Every structure is written in C-alpha cells, then in structure tokens.
Protein backbone atom coordinates (compact mmCIF):
# COMPACT_ATOMS: atom_id res chain seq x y z
CA MET A 1 0.24 0.02 0.11
CA LYS A 2 2.74 2.49 0.86
CA LYS A 3 4.33 1.67 -2.46
CA ARG A 4 1.51 2.44 -4.47
CA TYR A 5 0.60 5.96 -2.01
CA LEU A 6 4.69 6.67 -3.06
CA LEU A 7 4.09 5.84 -6.81
CA ALA A 8 1.09 7.94 -7.05
CA LEU A 9 2.25 10.93 -5.10
CA LEU A 10 5.34 10.74 -7.45
CA PHE A 11 3.09 10.82 -10.70
CA SER A 12 1.20 13.46 -9.14
CA HIS A 13 3.98 15.88 -8.31
CA LEU A 14 5.54 15.05 -12.13
CA PHE A 15 2.29 15.91 -13.69
CA VAL A 16 1.75 19.11 -11.77
CA ALA A 17 5.35 20.31 -12.43
CA GLY A 18 5.31 19.44 -16.18
CA GLY A 19 2.33 21.43 -16.26
CA GLY A 20 3.42 24.24 -14.58
CA PHE A 21 6.76 24.22 -17.21
CA ILE A 22 4.43 23.94 -19.96
CA MET A 23 2.22 26.87 -18.64
CA GLY A 24 5.33 28.99 -18.03
CA MET A 25 6.67 28.21 -21.81
CA TYR A 26 3.23 29.58 -23.11
CA LEU A 27 3.04 32.39 -20.72
CA LEU A 28 6.26 33.69 -20.32
CA PRO A 29 6.33 35.55 -23.47
CA ILE A 30 2.84 37.05 -22.75
CA MET A 31 4.03 38.37 -19.41
CA THR A 32 7.27 39.77 -21.26
CA ALA A 33 6.40 41.00 -24.00
CA PRO A 34 6.73 44.87 -25.02
CA ALA A 35 3.61 46.72 -25.62
CA ALA A 36 2.23 46.66 -28.95
CA PRO A 37 2.56 49.76 -31.05
CA GLN A 38 0.16 51.94 -31.52
CA LEU A 39 -2.25 52.71 -34.65
CA SER A 40 -0.52 55.95 -35.13
CA VAL A 41 3.16 54.30 -34.86
CA LEU A 42 1.96 52.19 -38.13
CA GLU A 43 0.17 55.03 -39.93
CA SER A 44 3.36 56.28 -41.39
CA THR A 45 4.23 52.91 -43.02
CA ILE A 46 0.35 52.46 -44.01
CA GLU A 47 0.15 55.51 -45.88
CA SER A 48 3.11 55.27 -47.86
CA ARG A 49 3.09 51.14 -48.48
CA GLU A 50 4.11 50.14 -51.49
CA PHE A 51 2.51 46.05 -50.84
CA SER A 52 -0.28 44.83 -48.85
CA GLY A 53 -1.32 41.62 -47.88
CA GLN A 54 -3.05 39.41 -45.20
CA PHE A 55 -2.20 36.77 -42.25
CA SER A 56 -4.72 34.39 -42.02
CA ARG A 57 -5.57 31.27 -39.22
CA GLU A 58 -6.44 28.92 -42.36
CA ARG A 59 -2.71 28.02 -43.49
CA ALA A 60 -2.06 24.21 -43.21
CA ASP A 61 0.37 23.95 -40.31
CA SER A 62 -1.56 26.73 -38.22
CA ASP A 63 -3.41 25.40 -35.30
CA LEU A 64 -4.75 26.64 -31.96
CA LEU A 65 -1.51 27.35 -30.66
CA HIS A 66 0.09 28.49 -33.60
CA TRP A 67 -1.74 31.20 -35.64
CA GLY A 68 -1.91 35.13 -37.14
CA GLU A 69 -4.37 36.81 -38.60
CA GLY A 70 -4.67 40.58 -39.67
CA GLU A 71 -3.51 42.99 -42.07
CA VAL A 72 0.45 43.68 -43.71
CA SER A 73 1.81 46.93 -45.30
CA ILE A 74 4.99 46.97 -46.55
CA SER A 75 6.46 50.58 -47.41
CA ALA A 76 10.25 50.99 -48.53
CA ASP A 77 11.77 50.85 -45.52
CA SER A 78 9.50 48.94 -42.87
CA ILE A 79 6.39 46.17 -42.84
CA ALA A 80 3.41 46.96 -40.30
CA PHE A 81 1.33 44.46 -39.16
CA ILE A 82 -2.23 45.17 -37.45
CA GLY A 83 -3.91 42.01 -36.16
CA SER A 84 -2.97 39.19 -33.85
CA LEU A 85 -0.63 36.26 -33.45
CA ALA A 86 -0.75 33.78 -30.82
CA PRO A 87 1.72 34.20 -28.35
CA GLY A 88 5.23 32.14 -28.28
CA PRO A 89 8.87 32.96 -27.81
CA ASP A 90 11.44 33.77 -30.44
CA TYR A 91 9.17 35.08 -33.41
CA ARG A 92 11.05 35.98 -36.70
CA LEU A 93 9.59 37.31 -39.95
CA TYR A 94 10.92 36.23 -43.37
CA LEU A 95 10.46 36.91 -46.50
CA SER A 96 10.00 34.31 -49.15
CA PRO A 97 10.07 34.10 -53.15
CA LYS A 98 7.01 31.53 -53.14
CA PHE A 99 4.02 30.94 -50.75
CA VAL A 100 4.52 28.91 -47.69
CA ASP A 101 1.96 27.53 -45.33
CA THR A 102 3.70 24.35 -43.99
CA GLU A 103 6.95 23.62 -41.71
CA SER A 104 8.08 21.52 -44.19
CA GLY A 105 7.97 24.10 -46.95
CA PHE A 106 9.32 26.63 -44.94
CA ASN A 107 12.46 24.19 -44.22
CA ARG A 108 12.41 23.64 -48.18
CA LEU A 109 12.35 27.33 -49.25
CA LYS A 110 14.42 28.85 -46.18
CA PRO A 111 17.73 29.28 -48.22
CA SER A 112 15.75 31.40 -50.62
CA MET A 113 14.00 33.64 -47.55
CA VAL A 114 15.44 36.56 -45.92
CA GLN A 115 15.05 36.69 -42.39
CA VAL A 116 13.74 40.58 -41.75
CA GLY A 117 13.66 41.02 -38.16
CA SER A 118 12.19 39.64 -34.70
CA VAL A 119 8.75 39.60 -34.21
CA ASN A 120 8.29 40.83 -30.29
CA THR A 121 4.61 42.10 -29.79
CA PHE A 122 1.35 39.72 -30.43
CA ASP A 123 -1.08 42.83 -31.38
CA ASN A 124 0.56 44.68 -33.91
CA PHE A 125 3.86 45.15 -35.08
CA ILE A 126 6.21 46.84 -36.95
CA VAL A 127 9.89 45.59 -38.01
CA THR A 128 12.35 47.62 -40.21
CA ILE A 129 13.21 46.34 -43.52
CA PRO A 130 17.40 46.23 -43.68
CA ASP A 131 19.01 48.29 -46.33
CA ASP A 132 19.84 45.22 -48.32
CA VAL A 133 16.30 43.82 -48.76
CA ASP A 134 14.07 44.42 -51.68
CA PRO A 135 10.41 43.11 -51.05
CA SER A 136 9.23 43.36 -54.61
CA HIS A 137 11.69 40.42 -54.83
CA TYR A 138 9.24 38.26 -52.68
CA ASN A 139 5.87 37.73 -52.89
CA THR A 140 5.20 35.91 -49.18
CA LEU A 141 5.68 36.94 -45.61
CA VAL A 142 6.28 34.11 -43.28
CA VAL A 143 6.19 34.26 -39.10
CA TRP A 144 8.35 31.46 -37.83
CA CYS A 145 9.36 30.37 -34.13
CA GLU A 146 13.12 30.13 -34.10
CA SER A 147 13.28 28.32 -30.86
CA PHE A 148 10.85 25.35 -31.69
CA GLY A 149 11.30 25.23 -35.45
CA GLN A 150 7.54 26.00 -35.66
CA PHE A 151 5.36 27.77 -38.53
CA ILE A 152 3.14 30.19 -37.03
CA THR A 153 1.35 31.99 -40.29
CA SER A 154 1.93 33.39 -43.67
CA GLY A 155 0.67 35.55 -46.11
CA THR A 156 1.18 36.59 -49.69
CA TYR A 157 1.27 40.40 -50.48
CA GLU A 158 0.71 42.32 -53.92
CA THR A 159 1.90 45.64 -55.05
CA VAL A 160 -1.00 48.53 -53.91
CA ALA A 161 -2.49 50.31 -56.92
CA GLN A 162 -1.71 54.10 -56.94
C-alpha cells in the first residue's frame, strides 16, 4: 500500500511540475512582451505602403496555438502588421519568393528566404527592413518560431494600386 501511495505521489508531482513548465513556456512570452505599437506609429508605413497582404489562421500548419491573422503593409523601409499573433517565443519575420503554409515548405525554401527581423509583440508590430533587402523580389511574408522550428502563419502580398 505504501509503495502505491509513493508512486501516485511521484506521478502527481511530476504531472503538476510538467504542466507548470508547459504553462510557463506559453505565458512567459506574454508576460515579457513589450507593449504593442499604437496605430499612430504604424500609420506612416500604412500610408506609404507599396505592398499589402493578409495573414490568415487558415494555413495548413496553423493550429490552436500557432496562428496569426490581420493586415500587413510594406513600405520602402518597414513592415507594419495590424492584427494578432498567437503568443510564443522567438518569432522571426521572413520574406519568401514562394508561398509557404507548412513547416516542411518553410524548411525547404528557407535557403531562398531572407530574415527581416524579430517580432516581439503579438498585437500589431512594425519591423524595419534592412537596407540590402528589396521586398519586390519576394511575394510572401512568413512568421516563424526559431526556438521550436514552428510555422506560425504566412500571407502573400501584392503591389498596392496607386
């Protein structure tokens, strides 16, 4: 009887510790994320945008914990997003020459992509485009979790009619 009790106690504590670890990994990025940029900060990129597109939850490898939805605007020097991303650590924004909506597709095309920068907020973001990157050479934006090699969301973009 004592052996069963000790085993139950061990498994219950391991279960609680494991659950706490998993919740910590999910909640830590939310608790440490900087404040999302206000719409007024994003307006200059939106007003001078050369390209626009959408992130959607309806991607093949997006799921309950890995998704994004909203509108993307790309100007000559920055990328602005108005919408929401599922919280997570170490998100990166990539430009891809071809549409990608799966983890395997991302890994296959990664050599032809360019990493634009880090995404540190989950409601709206703005990322500065490096000087040596020309968005007109690509047609897709991808949000990727570097830490876990997880696809979050993607969206194609097109030239905005002037």
